[in-house]
Amino acid sequence: MDPAAPPPKRRGPARLADPRPLFEDTSATGASPGRGFGAPPPPSASSASSSSSSSAPFGPPGAFLAEPVSSLAAAYGSSLASHVEGNLGRWVPVSRLKYYFAVDTVYVGRKLRLLVFPFGHQDWQVRYQQDTPVAPRFDVNAPDLYIPAMAFLTYILLAGLALGTQNRFSPDSLGLVASSALAWLLLEVLSVLLSLYLVTVSTDLTPIDLLAFAGYKYVGMIVGLVAGLLLGRVGYYVALTWCCLSIFVFMIQTLRLKLLSEAAAEGVLGLILGV
């Protein structure tokens, strides 16, 4: 070995190339991440387009049954409604009942005031249009069934409340009040029809008209019950006396134009008055 020769350089360990990272950093580039362990393969463009094109004409499962079933249900419902209305029309004049419920808020307020304070009312004549009475919402003197129906239900509820304040309420007593009130109402209407038949007075008053007029008395009964609950026994009797007088004046003023005029035209007014 030559002593003049430079000493050999010691070679360090060889530097290995940077290994491939296990996970790709996609936060900066916005690229889609690579497939991880157990990840499903990304769908190809051809398969995605084929799947969308194949599912578009058919829609979700069972969608082909929705339209026939809905159309069948609509047809069945309309036929059932027409069948029920046809059978009901044989016994109850449905088209005529619509007239008695043609009311609005203004009519209800004016009618209630007329029932409680009828003494200052002057014009009691029912208005007609082409031989047909106008709807109740246009004439306060026309009979309706909305106020009697609502007054009947309200009276039953208030009667139950009054029984509850006296510790006498029970479901049976509430049913007894409702059934007895309905029975007396029907008996009153039948009594008037029988009286008109016996005196042979032909009038344009229908049983529905008589039912409406007979149902107006529940307004006064409601006023009496409310006065009794708030003012006690004395308030109840005072309010009930006033309402009885009011409904008496209302009935006389309303029915005299229909009954007495037609009876006088037929020559039986003396029989009605007992002359």
C-alpha atoms as a PDB file:
ATOM      1  CA  MET A   1       0.000   0.000   0.000  1.00  0.00           C
ATOM      2  CA  ASP A   2       1.446   3.313  -1.120  1.00  0.00           C
ATOM      3  CA  PRO A   3       1.923   5.688   1.835  1.00  0.00           C
ATOM      4  CA  ALA A   4       1.593   8.703  -0.470  1.00  0.00           C
ATOM      5  CA  ALA A   5      -1.843   7.674  -1.674  1.00  0.00           C
ATOM      6  CA  PRO A   6      -4.750   9.373   0.075  1.00  0.00           C
ATOM      7  CA  PRO A   7      -6.651   7.284   2.532  1.00  0.00           C
ATOM      8  CA  PRO A   8      -9.820   5.777   1.138  1.00  0.00           C
ATOM      9  CA  LYS A   9     -13.048   7.557   1.981  1.00  0.00           C
ATOM     10  CA  ARG A  10     -15.453   5.758   4.219  1.00  0.00           C
ATOM     11  CA  ARG A  11     -18.794   5.377   2.563  1.00  0.00           C
ATOM     12  CA  GLY A  12     -21.783   5.781   4.806  1.00  0.00           C
ATOM     13  CA  PRO A  13     -24.962   3.791   4.557  1.00  0.00           C
ATOM     14  CA  ALA A  14     -26.880   4.219   1.328  1.00  0.00           C
ATOM     15  CA  ARG A  15     -29.925   6.519   1.493  1.00  0.00           C
ATOM     16  CA  LEU A  16     -33.094   4.745   0.622  1.00  0.00           C
ATOM     17  CA  ALA A  17     -35.729   6.399  -1.499  1.00  0.00           C
ATOM     18  CA  ASP A  18     -38.736   7.833   0.323  1.00  0.00           C
ATOM     19  CA  PRO A  19     -41.302   5.105   0.705  1.00  0.00           C
ATOM     20  CA  ARG A  20     -44.757   5.569  -0.892  1.00  0.00           C
ATOM     21  CA  PRO A  21     -47.078   7.059   1.698  1.00  0.00           C
ATOM     22  CA  LEU A  22     -49.703   4.720   3.040  1.00  0.00           C
ATOM     23  CA  PHE A  23     -52.522   7.310   2.699  1.00  0.00           C
ATOM     24  CA  GLU A  24     -52.685  10.096   0.173  1.00  0.00           C
ATOM     25  CA  ASP A  25     -53.174  13.640   1.415  1.00  0.00           C
ATOM     26  CA  THR A  26     -56.105  15.072  -0.504  1.00  0.00           C
ATOM     27  CA  SER A  27     -56.848  18.052   1.725  1.00  0.00           C
ATOM     28  CA  ALA A  28     -54.887  20.516  -0.409  1.00  0.00           C
ATOM     29  CA  THR A  29     -55.522  19.222  -3.908  1.00  0.00           C
ATOM     30  CA  GLY A  30     -59.212  18.387  -3.490  1.00  0.00           C
ATOM     31  CA  ALA A  31     -58.740  15.069  -5.255  1.00  0.00           C
ATOM     32  CA  SER A  32     -60.850  12.127  -4.346  1.00  0.00           C
ATOM     33  CA  PRO A  33     -59.263   9.826  -1.774  1.00  0.00           C
ATOM     34  CA  GLY A  34     -57.888   6.537  -2.775  1.00  0.00           C
ATOM     35  CA  ARG A  35     -59.458   3.266  -2.013  1.00  0.00           C
ATOM     36  CA  GLY A  36     -58.887   2.177   1.534  1.00  0.00           C
ATOM     37  CA  PHE A  37     -58.974  -1.257   2.989  1.00  0.00           C
ATOM     38  CA  GLY A  38     -62.329  -2.902   2.305  1.00  0.00           C
ATOM     39  CA  ALA A  39     -63.741   0.045   0.346  1.00  0.00           C
ATOM     40  CA  PRO A  40     -65.971  -0.852  -2.597  1.00  0.00           C
ATOM     41  CA  PRO A  41     -64.658  -0.019  -6.030  1.00  0.00           C
ATOM     42  CA  PRO A  42     -65.807   3.334  -7.424  1.00  0.00           C
ATOM     43  CA  PRO A  43     -68.622   3.053  -9.907  1.00  0.00           C
ATOM     44  CA  SER A  44     -67.684   3.594 -13.479  1.00  0.00           C
ATOM     45  CA  ALA A  45     -69.362   6.217 -15.634  1.00  0.00           C
ATOM     46  CA  SER A  46     -70.878   3.610 -17.927  1.00  0.00           C
ATOM     47  CA  SER A  47     -72.441   1.629 -15.083  1.00  0.00           C
ATOM     48  CA  ALA A  48     -73.814   4.814 -13.413  1.00  0.00           C
ATOM     49  CA  SER A  49     -75.355   6.013 -16.671  1.00  0.00           C
ATOM     50  CA  SER A  50     -76.837   2.596 -17.394  1.00  0.00           C
ATOM     51  CA  SER A  51     -78.336   2.291 -13.887  1.00  0.00           C
ATOM     52  CA  SER A  52     -79.875   5.780 -14.013  1.00  0.00           C
ATOM     53  CA  SER A  53     -81.284   5.162 -17.484  1.00  0.00           C
ATOM     54  CA  SER A  54     -82.716   1.795 -16.449  1.00  0.00           C
ATOM     55  CA  SER A  55     -84.369   3.103 -13.225  1.00  0.00           C
ATOM     56  CA  ALA A  56     -85.775   6.360 -14.658  1.00  0.00           C
ATOM     57  CA  PRO A  57     -88.698   4.916 -16.689  1.00  0.00           C
ATOM     58  CA  PHE A  58     -89.948   2.644 -13.880  1.00  0.00           C
ATOM     59  CA  GLY A  59     -89.541   4.795 -10.739  1.00  0.00           C
ATOM     60  CA  PRO A  60     -89.586   3.372  -7.219  1.00  0.00           C
ATOM     61  CA  PRO A  61     -91.011  -0.087  -6.587  1.00  0.00           C
ATOM     62  CA  GLY A  62     -94.817  -0.148  -6.410  1.00  0.00           C
ATOM     63  CA  ALA A  63     -95.223   3.244  -8.096  1.00  0.00           C
ATOM     64  CA  PHE A  64     -97.097   1.659 -11.003  1.00  0.00           C
ATOM     65  CA  LEU A  65     -99.885   0.677  -8.556  1.00  0.00           C
ATOM     66  CA  ALA A  66    -100.369   4.151  -6.990  1.00  0.00           C
ATOM     67  CA  GLU A  67    -102.316   5.804  -9.805  1.00  0.00           C
ATOM     68  CA  PRO A  68    -104.795   2.925 -10.514  1.00  0.00           C
ATOM     69  CA  VAL A  69    -105.520   2.447  -6.799  1.00  0.00           C
ATOM     70  CA  SER A  70    -106.105   6.171  -6.199  1.00  0.00           C
ATOM     71  CA  SER A  71    -108.379   6.485  -9.227  1.00  0.00           C
ATOM     72  CA  LEU A  72    -110.318   3.401  -8.156  1.00  0.00           C
ATOM     73  CA  ALA A  73    -110.735   4.762  -4.620  1.00  0.00           C
ATOM     74  CA  ALA A  74    -111.927   8.137  -5.947  1.00  0.00           C
ATOM     75  CA  ALA A  75    -114.457   6.479  -8.252  1.00  0.00           C
ATOM     76  CA  TYR A  76    -115.738   4.243  -5.449  1.00  0.00           C
ATOM     77  CA  GLY A  77    -116.041   7.188  -3.042  1.00  0.00           C
ATOM     78  CA  SER A  78    -117.988   9.307  -5.531  1.00  0.00           C
ATOM     79  CA  SER A  79    -120.364   6.430  -6.357  1.00  0.00           C
ATOM     80  CA  LEU A  80    -120.910   5.703  -2.655  1.00  0.00           C
ATOM     81  CA  ALA A  81    -121.620   9.381  -1.911  1.00  0.00           C
ATOM     82  CA  SER A  82    -124.129   9.636  -4.750  1.00  0.00           C
ATOM     83  CA  HIS A  83    -125.795   6.399  -3.617  1.00  0.00           C
ATOM     84  CA  VAL A  84    -126.109   7.602  -0.009  1.00  0.00           C
ATOM     85  CA  GLU A  85    -127.386  11.007  -1.097  1.00  0.00           C
ATOM     86  CA  GLY A  86    -129.960   9.355  -3.366  1.00  0.00           C
ATOM     87  CA  ASN A  87    -131.265   7.090  -0.611  1.00  0.00           C
ATOM     88  CA  LEU A  88    -131.241   9.905   1.925  1.00  0.00           C
ATOM     89  CA  GLY A  89    -133.143  12.155  -0.447  1.00  0.00           C
ATOM     90  CA  ARG A  90    -136.101   9.772  -0.338  1.00  0.00           C
ATOM     91  CA  TRP A  91    -136.699  10.536   3.327  1.00  0.00           C
ATOM     92  CA  VAL A  92    -134.949  13.832   4.019  1.00  0.00           C
ATOM     93  CA  PRO A  93    -135.043  16.765   1.563  1.00  0.00           C
ATOM     94  CA  VAL A  94    -131.308  17.412   1.486  1.00  0.00           C
ATOM     95  CA  SER A  95    -131.574  20.296  -0.972  1.00  0.00           C
ATOM     96  CA  ARG A  96    -134.217  21.882   1.239  1.00  0.00           C
ATOM     97  CA  LEU A  97    -132.062  21.490   4.338  1.00  0.00           C
ATOM     98  CA  LYS A  98    -129.293  23.498   2.692  1.00  0.00           C
ATOM     99  CA  TYR A  99    -131.632  26.490   2.707  1.00  0.00           C
ATOM    100  CA  TYR A 100    -132.033  26.347   6.502  1.00  0.00           C
ATOM    101  CA  PHE A 101    -128.280  26.353   7.087  1.00  0.00           C
ATOM    102  CA  ALA A 102    -127.499  29.230   4.692  1.00  0.00           C
ATOM    103  CA  VAL A 103    -126.561  31.633   7.498  1.00  0.00           C
ATOM    104  CA  ASP A 104    -123.657  33.884   8.363  1.00  0.00           C
ATOM    105  CA  THR A 105    -122.315  35.619  11.454  1.00  0.00           C
ATOM    106  CA  VAL A 106    -124.343  38.790  10.920  1.00  0.00           C
ATOM    107  CA  TYR A 107    -127.582  36.846  10.637  1.00  0.00           C
ATOM    108  CA  VAL A 108    -126.866  34.808  13.774  1.00  0.00           C
ATOM    109  CA  GLY A 109    -126.191  37.943  15.806  1.00  0.00           C
ATOM    110  CA  ARG A 110    -129.327  39.714  14.569  1.00  0.00           C
ATOM    111  CA  LYS A 111    -131.472  36.635  15.099  1.00  0.00           C
ATOM    112  CA  LEU A 112    -130.284  36.104  18.669  1.00  0.00           C
ATOM    113  CA  ARG A 113    -130.988  39.739  19.456  1.00  0.00           C
ATOM    114  CA  LEU A 114    -134.454  39.382  17.923  1.00  0.00           C
ATOM    115  CA  LEU A 115    -135.176  36.280  20.009  1.00  0.00           C
ATOM    116  CA  VAL A 116    -134.222  37.953  23.284  1.00  0.00           C
ATOM    117  CA  PHE A 117    -135.509  41.498  22.518  1.00  0.00           C
ATOM    118  CA  PRO A 118    -138.375  41.191  20.002  1.00  0.00           C
ATOM    119  CA  PHE A 119    -140.424  44.122  21.273  1.00  0.00           C
ATOM    120  CA  GLY A 120    -138.903  46.845  19.081  1.00  0.00           C
ATOM    121  CA  HIS A 121    -138.989  44.870  15.826  1.00  0.00           C
ATOM    122  CA  GLN A 122    -141.499  46.216  13.286  1.00  0.00           C
ATOM    123  CA  ASP A 123    -141.237  44.290  10.017  1.00  0.00           C
ATOM    124  CA  TRP A 124    -142.047  40.583  10.545  1.00  0.00           C
ATOM    125  CA  GLN A 125    -142.825  39.723   6.942  1.00  0.00           C
ATOM    126  CA  VAL A 126    -140.664  37.071   5.259  1.00  0.00           C
ATOM    127  CA  ARG A 127    -139.265  38.309   1.953  1.00  0.00           C
ATOM    128  CA  TYR A 128    -139.724  36.324  -1.245  1.00  0.00           C
ATOM    129  CA  GLN A 129    -137.928  36.271  -4.552  1.00  0.00           C
ATOM    130  CA  GLN A 130    -139.835  34.701  -7.456  1.00  0.00           C
ATOM    131  CA  ASP A 131    -142.238  32.852  -5.119  1.00  0.00           C
ATOM    132  CA  THR A 132    -139.280  31.464  -3.152  1.00  0.00           C
ATOM    133  CA  PRO A 133    -138.250  32.730   0.295  1.00  0.00           C
ATOM    134  CA  VAL A 134    -134.814  34.276   0.333  1.00  0.00           C
ATOM    135  CA  ALA A 135    -131.993  32.627   2.248  1.00  0.00           C
ATOM    136  CA  PRO A 136    -131.877  33.294   6.006  1.00  0.00           C
ATOM    137  CA  ARG A 137    -128.650  35.263   5.738  1.00  0.00           C
ATOM    138  CA  PHE A 138    -130.560  37.855   3.687  1.00  0.00           C
ATOM    139  CA  ASP A 139    -133.693  37.998   5.868  1.00  0.00           C
ATOM    140  CA  VAL A 140    -133.716  37.937   9.665  1.00  0.00           C
ATOM    141  CA  ASN A 141    -137.363  36.809   9.678  1.00  0.00           C
ATOM    142  CA  ALA A 142    -136.640  33.602   7.772  1.00  0.00           C
ATOM    143  CA  PRO A 143    -136.466  30.405   9.837  1.00  0.00           C
ATOM    144  CA  ASP A 144    -133.221  28.478  10.083  1.00  0.00           C
ATOM    145  CA  LEU A 145    -131.973  25.292  11.683  1.00  0.00           C
ATOM    146  CA  TYR A 146    -128.469  26.414  12.594  1.00  0.00           C
ATOM    147  CA  ILE A 147    -129.460  28.356  15.710  1.00  0.00           C
ATOM    148  CA  PRO A 148    -131.867  25.648  17.010  1.00  0.00           C
ATOM    149  CA  ALA A 149    -129.276  22.901  16.492  1.00  0.00           C
ATOM    150  CA  MET A 150    -126.472  24.829  18.200  1.00  0.00           C
ATOM    151  CA  ALA A 151    -128.815  25.974  20.979  1.00  0.00           C
ATOM    152  CA  PHE A 152    -129.949  22.388  21.589  1.00  0.00           C
ATOM    153  CA  LEU A 153    -126.379  21.129  21.985  1.00  0.00           C
ATOM    154  CA  THR A 154    -125.381  24.115  24.130  1.00  0.00           C
ATOM    155  CA  TYR A 155    -128.389  23.589  26.374  1.00  0.00           C
ATOM    156  CA  ILE A 156    -127.400  19.967  27.004  1.00  0.00           C
ATOM    157  CA  LEU A 157    -123.830  20.966  27.892  1.00  0.00           C
ATOM    158  CA  LEU A 158    -124.985  23.740  30.209  1.00  0.00           C
ATOM    159  CA  ALA A 159    -127.463  21.398  31.851  1.00  0.00           C
ATOM    160  CA  GLY A 160    -124.594  18.987  32.555  1.00  0.00           C
ATOM    161  CA  LEU A 161    -122.561  21.864  33.976  1.00  0.00           C
ATOM    162  CA  ALA A 162    -125.440  22.888  36.227  1.00  0.00           C
ATOM    163  CA  LEU A 163    -125.811  19.313  37.452  1.00  0.00           C
ATOM    164  CA  GLY A 164    -122.069  19.209  38.111  1.00  0.00           C
ATOM    165  CA  THR A 165    -122.234  22.303  40.322  1.00  0.00           C
ATOM    166  CA  GLN A 166    -124.875  20.483  42.378  1.00  0.00           C
ATOM    167  CA  ASN A 167    -122.821  17.252  42.567  1.00  0.00           C
ATOM    168  CA  ARG A 168    -125.502  15.383  40.631  1.00  0.00           C
ATOM    169  CA  PHE A 169    -123.740  14.920  37.313  1.00  0.00           C
ATOM    170  CA  SER A 170    -123.420  11.517  35.676  1.00  0.00           C
ATOM    171  CA  PRO A 171    -123.267  10.360  32.054  1.00  0.00           C
ATOM    172  CA  ASP A 172    -126.696   8.779  32.462  1.00  0.00           C
ATOM    173  CA  SER A 173    -128.226  12.051  33.610  1.00  0.00           C
ATOM    174  CA  LEU A 174    -126.724  13.879  30.627  1.00  0.00           C
ATOM    175  CA  GLY A 175    -128.206  11.321  28.266  1.00  0.00           C
ATOM    176  CA  LEU A 176    -131.537  11.606  30.033  1.00  0.00           C
ATOM    177  CA  VAL A 177    -131.537  15.388  29.579  1.00  0.00           C
ATOM    178  CA  ALA A 178    -130.738  15.057  25.862  1.00  0.00           C
ATOM    179  CA  SER A 179    -133.343  12.376  25.183  1.00  0.00           C
ATOM    180  CA  SER A 180    -136.079  14.156  27.130  1.00  0.00           C
ATOM    181  CA  ALA A 181    -135.368  17.490  25.410  1.00  0.00           C
ATOM    182  CA  LEU A 182    -135.492  15.847  21.989  1.00  0.00           C
ATOM    183  CA  ALA A 183    -138.693  13.955  22.857  1.00  0.00           C
ATOM    184  CA  TRP A 184    -140.462  17.135  24.011  1.00  0.00           C
ATOM    185  CA  LEU A 185    -139.323  18.951  20.878  1.00  0.00           C
ATOM    186  CA  LEU A 186    -140.736  16.298  18.560  1.00  0.00           C
ATOM    187  CA  LEU A 187    -143.939  16.104  20.611  1.00  0.00           C
ATOM    188  CA  GLU A 188    -144.406  19.851  20.266  1.00  0.00           C
ATOM    189  CA  VAL A 189    -143.986  19.715  16.495  1.00  0.00           C
ATOM    190  CA  LEU A 190    -146.399  16.798  16.174  1.00  0.00           C
ATOM    191  CA  SER A 191    -148.959  18.609  18.342  1.00  0.00           C
ATOM    192  CA  VAL A 192    -148.844  21.677  16.080  1.00  0.00           C
ATOM    193  CA  LEU A 193    -149.191  19.522  12.963  1.00  0.00           C
ATOM    194  CA  LEU A 194    -152.149  17.726  14.480  1.00  0.00           C
ATOM    195  CA  SER A 195    -153.803  21.014  15.443  1.00  0.00           C
ATOM    196  CA  LEU A 196    -153.391  22.378  11.921  1.00  0.00           C
ATOM    197  CA  TYR A 197    -154.877  19.192  10.520  1.00  0.00           C
ATOM    198  CA  LEU A 198    -157.888  19.287  12.844  1.00  0.00           C
ATOM    199  CA  VAL A 199    -158.769  22.886  12.011  1.00  0.00           C
ATOM    200  CA  THR A 200    -158.137  22.175   8.291  1.00  0.00           C
ATOM    201  CA  VAL A 201    -155.819  25.109   7.767  1.00  0.00           C
ATOM    202  CA  SER A 202    -153.642  24.747   4.691  1.00  0.00           C
ATOM    203  CA  THR A 203    -150.396  26.605   5.149  1.00  0.00           C
ATOM    204  CA  ASP A 204    -147.009  26.656   3.518  1.00  0.00           C
ATOM    205  CA  LEU A 205    -145.351  25.912   6.866  1.00  0.00           C
ATOM    206  CA  THR A 206    -143.431  22.666   6.553  1.00  0.00           C
ATOM    207  CA  PRO A 207    -142.517  20.350   9.448  1.00  0.00           C
ATOM    208  CA  ILE A 208    -138.967  21.668   9.139  1.00  0.00           C
ATOM    209  CA  ASP A 209    -140.249  25.219   9.637  1.00  0.00           C
ATOM    210  CA  LEU A 210    -142.132  24.141  12.751  1.00  0.00           C
ATOM    211  CA  LEU A 211    -139.029  22.333  14.003  1.00  0.00           C
ATOM    212  CA  ALA A 212    -137.000  25.508  13.546  1.00  0.00           C
ATOM    213  CA  PHE A 213    -139.538  27.670  15.371  1.00  0.00           C
ATOM    214  CA  ALA A 214    -139.843  25.149  18.196  1.00  0.00           C
ATOM    215  CA  GLY A 215    -136.060  24.986  18.568  1.00  0.00           C
ATOM    216  CA  TYR A 216    -135.717  28.716  19.152  1.00  0.00           C
ATOM    217  CA  LYS A 217    -136.931  28.295  22.724  1.00  0.00           C
ATOM    218  CA  TYR A 218    -133.576  26.742  23.686  1.00  0.00           C
ATOM    219  CA  VAL A 219    -131.995  30.174  23.326  1.00  0.00           C
ATOM    220  CA  GLY A 220    -134.112  31.442  26.209  1.00  0.00           C
ATOM    221  CA  MET A 221    -133.407  28.307  28.216  1.00  0.00           C
ATOM    222  CA  ILE A 222    -129.673  28.881  27.765  1.00  0.00           C
ATOM    223  CA  VAL A 223    -130.019  32.469  28.980  1.00  0.00           C
ATOM    224  CA  GLY A 224    -131.892  31.205  32.037  1.00  0.00           C
ATOM    225  CA  LEU A 225    -129.265  28.580  32.837  1.00  0.00           C
ATOM    226  CA  VAL A 226    -126.406  31.060  32.505  1.00  0.00           C
ATOM    227  CA  ALA A 227    -128.227  33.536  34.734  1.00  0.00           C
ATOM    228  CA  GLY A 228    -128.830  30.781  37.277  1.00  0.00           C
ATOM    229  CA  LEU A 229    -125.174  29.771  37.309  1.00  0.00           C
ATOM    230  CA  LEU A 230    -124.000  33.369  37.731  1.00  0.00           C
ATOM    231  CA  LEU A 231    -126.764  34.999  39.794  1.00  0.00           C
ATOM    232  CA  GLY A 232    -128.376  32.107  41.609  1.00  0.00           C
ATOM    233  CA  ARG A 233    -132.012  31.066  41.819  1.00  0.00           C
ATOM    234  CA  VAL A 234    -133.465  34.585  41.653  1.00  0.00           C
ATOM    235  CA  GLY A 235    -131.500  35.425  38.499  1.00  0.00           C
ATOM    236  CA  TYR A 236    -132.601  32.141  36.932  1.00  0.00           C
ATOM    237  CA  TYR A 237    -136.312  32.810  37.411  1.00  0.00           C
ATOM    238  CA  VAL A 238    -136.079  36.445  36.323  1.00  0.00           C
ATOM    239  CA  ALA A 239    -134.171  35.573  33.127  1.00  0.00           C
ATOM    240  CA  LEU A 240    -136.457  32.617  32.391  1.00  0.00           C
ATOM    241  CA  THR A 241    -139.576  34.774  32.778  1.00  0.00           C
ATOM    242  CA  TRP A 242    -138.172  37.400  30.428  1.00  0.00           C
ATOM    243  CA  CYS A 243    -137.171  34.803  27.828  1.00  0.00           C
ATOM    244  CA  CYS A 244    -140.584  33.103  28.005  1.00  0.00           C
ATOM    245  CA  LEU A 245    -142.285  36.427  27.313  1.00  0.00           C
ATOM    246  CA  SER A 246    -139.837  37.192  24.507  1.00  0.00           C
ATOM    247  CA  ILE A 247    -140.295  33.865  22.740  1.00  0.00           C
ATOM    248  CA  PHE A 248    -144.074  34.185  23.107  1.00  0.00           C
ATOM    249  CA  VAL A 249    -144.046  37.583  21.368  1.00  0.00           C
ATOM    250  CA  PHE A 250    -141.654  36.274  18.713  1.00  0.00           C
ATOM    251  CA  MET A 251    -143.828  33.272  17.897  1.00  0.00           C
ATOM    252  CA  ILE A 252    -147.037  35.309  17.767  1.00  0.00           C
ATOM    253  CA  GLN A 253    -145.561  37.981  15.526  1.00  0.00           C
ATOM    254  CA  THR A 254    -143.911  35.426  13.221  1.00  0.00           C
ATOM    255  CA  LEU A 255    -146.709  32.886  12.830  1.00  0.00           C
ATOM    256  CA  ARG A 256    -149.690  35.207  12.744  1.00  0.00           C
ATOM    257  CA  LEU A 257    -148.807  36.332   9.211  1.00  0.00           C
ATOM    258  CA  LYS A 258    -148.759  32.737   8.006  1.00  0.00           C
ATOM    259  CA  LEU A 259    -151.598  31.164   9.965  1.00  0.00           C
ATOM    260  CA  LEU A 260    -154.150  33.878  10.604  1.00  0.00           C
ATOM    261  CA  SER A 261    -154.060  35.403   7.131  1.00  0.00           C
ATOM    262  CA  GLU A 262    -154.526  32.039   5.441  1.00  0.00           C
ATOM    263  CA  ALA A 263    -157.194  31.009   7.943  1.00  0.00           C
ATOM    264  CA  ALA A 264    -159.093  34.241   7.319  1.00  0.00           C
ATOM    265  CA  ALA A 265    -158.847  33.644   3.584  1.00  0.00           C
ATOM    266  CA  GLU A 266    -160.370  30.194   4.035  1.00  0.00           C
ATOM    267  CA  GLY A 267    -163.098  31.383   6.399  1.00  0.00           C
ATOM    268  CA  VAL A 268    -161.977  29.428   9.472  1.00  0.00           C
ATOM    269  CA  LEU A 269    -160.598  32.328  11.503  1.00  0.00           C
ATOM    270  CA  GLY A 270    -163.625  32.218  13.787  1.00  0.00           C
ATOM    271  CA  LEU A 271    -163.008  28.548  14.467  1.00  0.00           C
ATOM    272  CA  ILE A 272    -159.398  29.222  15.425  1.00  0.00           C
ATOM    273  CA  LEU A 273    -160.327  32.098  17.730  1.00  0.00           C
ATOM    274  CA  GLY A 274    -163.238  30.147  19.236  1.00  0.00           C
ATOM    275  CA  VAL A 275    -165.877  32.616  18.082  1.00  0.00           C
END
